[in-house]
Amino acid sequence: MKVEGNTYIKDKKYSKAINTYTEAYNFVVNDPSARAQELKLSIVSNLALAALNINEYKLALTWCDMHLEQTIDPNIKIIYRRASANKGLINWE
């Protein structure tokens, strides 16, 4: 599912990517394994990216915040995506 979502991102089919990534997220959300947790963070980051590309800034911000809540070592991409979502929302606080 994640690979399919990545293909949609490359093809700029962002709504389809969101649907696919959401399905993938729901599949791993309750799996406590380290691999599932890593995959979940990657999916959430990709969801934020897809949301940003269709100007769904509030949704992107939600995904970014979820990512940041789930890790103590955030990826620089998620920090940038969160800043981009806040910029889109004209949220300077």
Protein backbone atom coordinates (compact mmCIF):
# COMPACT_ATOMS: atom_id res chain seq x y z
CA MET A 1 0.00 0.00 0.00
CA LYS A 2 2.80 2.43 0.85
CA VAL A 3 4.49 1.75 -2.49
CA GLU A 4 1.19 2.37 -4.26
CA GLY A 5 0.84 5.67 -2.39
CA ASN A 6 4.37 6.64 -3.41
CA THR A 7 3.43 6.02 -7.05
CA TYR A 8 0.41 8.31 -6.68
CA ILE A 9 2.66 11.01 -5.20
CA LYS A 10 5.04 10.73 -8.16
CA ASP A 11 2.07 10.93 -10.54
CA LYS A 12 0.71 13.96 -8.62
CA LYS A 13 -2.49 12.11 -7.75
CA TYR A 14 -2.50 13.44 -4.22
CA SER A 15 -6.08 12.58 -3.23
CA LYS A 16 -5.52 8.96 -4.27
CA ALA A 17 -2.25 8.98 -2.35
CA ILE A 18 -4.04 10.18 0.77
CA ASN A 19 -6.63 7.42 0.47
CA THR A 20 -3.96 4.77 -0.04
CA TYR A 21 -1.70 6.02 2.75
CA THR A 22 -4.68 6.24 5.11
CA GLU A 23 -5.49 2.61 4.37
CA ALA A 24 -1.85 1.67 4.99
CA TYR A 25 -1.80 3.66 8.23
CA ASN A 26 -4.94 1.91 9.48
CA PHE A 27 -3.30 -1.42 8.71
CA VAL A 28 -0.23 -0.75 10.92
CA VAL A 29 -1.60 1.63 13.54
CA ASN A 30 -2.04 -1.02 16.25
CA ASP A 31 1.05 -3.08 15.48
CA PRO A 32 3.58 -2.50 18.29
CA SER A 33 6.59 -3.84 16.38
CA ALA A 34 9.50 -1.51 15.73
CA ARG A 35 9.18 -1.98 11.96
CA ALA A 36 5.47 -1.08 12.05
CA GLN A 37 6.22 2.02 14.12
CA GLU A 38 8.89 3.10 11.63
CA LEU A 39 6.51 2.47 8.75
CA LYS A 40 3.76 4.42 10.50
CA LEU A 41 6.02 7.48 10.83
CA SER A 42 6.91 7.27 7.15
CA ILE A 43 3.25 6.99 6.15
CA VAL A 44 2.27 9.94 8.33
CA SER A 45 5.03 12.04 6.76
CA ASN A 46 3.80 11.11 3.29
CA LEU A 47 0.23 11.94 4.26
CA ALA A 48 1.39 15.39 5.30
CA LEU A 49 3.20 15.82 1.98
CA ALA A 50 0.14 14.81 -0.04
CA ALA A 51 -2.12 17.12 1.99
CA LEU A 52 0.26 20.05 1.45
CA ASN A 53 0.21 19.47 -2.30
CA ILE A 54 -3.57 19.92 -2.43
CA ASN A 55 -3.48 22.91 -0.07
CA GLU A 56 -5.08 21.00 2.79
CA TYR A 57 -2.91 22.79 5.30
CA LYS A 58 -4.94 21.96 8.39
CA LEU A 59 -4.89 18.27 7.51
CA ALA A 60 -1.15 18.43 6.83
CA LEU A 61 -0.59 20.11 10.18
CA THR A 62 -2.59 17.37 11.91
CA TRP A 63 -0.42 14.67 10.32
CA CYS A 64 2.77 16.56 11.18
CA ASP A 65 1.71 16.96 14.81
CA MET A 66 0.85 13.27 14.97
CA HIS A 67 4.32 12.42 13.68
CA LEU A 68 5.99 14.69 16.21
CA GLU A 69 3.96 13.15 19.05
CA GLN A 70 5.14 9.66 18.12
CA THR A 71 8.89 10.23 18.03
CA ILE A 72 11.59 11.86 20.09
CA ASP A 73 13.82 12.22 17.03
CA PRO A 74 11.75 13.94 14.33
CA ASN A 75 12.73 13.85 10.70
CA ILE A 76 13.73 17.23 9.24
CA LYS A 77 11.18 16.71 6.46
CA ILE A 78 8.31 16.66 8.94
CA ILE A 79 9.54 19.86 10.58
CA TYR A 80 9.69 21.53 7.16
CA ARG A 81 6.23 20.22 6.25
CA ARG A 82 4.82 21.49 9.53
CA ALA A 83 6.32 24.93 8.86
CA SER A 84 4.86 24.86 5.33
CA ALA A 85 1.42 23.97 6.69
CA ASN A 86 1.61 26.80 9.22
CA LYS A 87 2.66 29.17 6.45
CA GLY A 88 -0.30 28.07 4.34
CA LEU A 89 -2.60 28.68 7.30
CA ILE A 90 -0.90 32.04 7.96
CA ASN A 91 -0.24 30.78 11.47
CA TRP A 92 2.86 32.61 12.67
CA GLU A 93 2.70 31.58 16.34
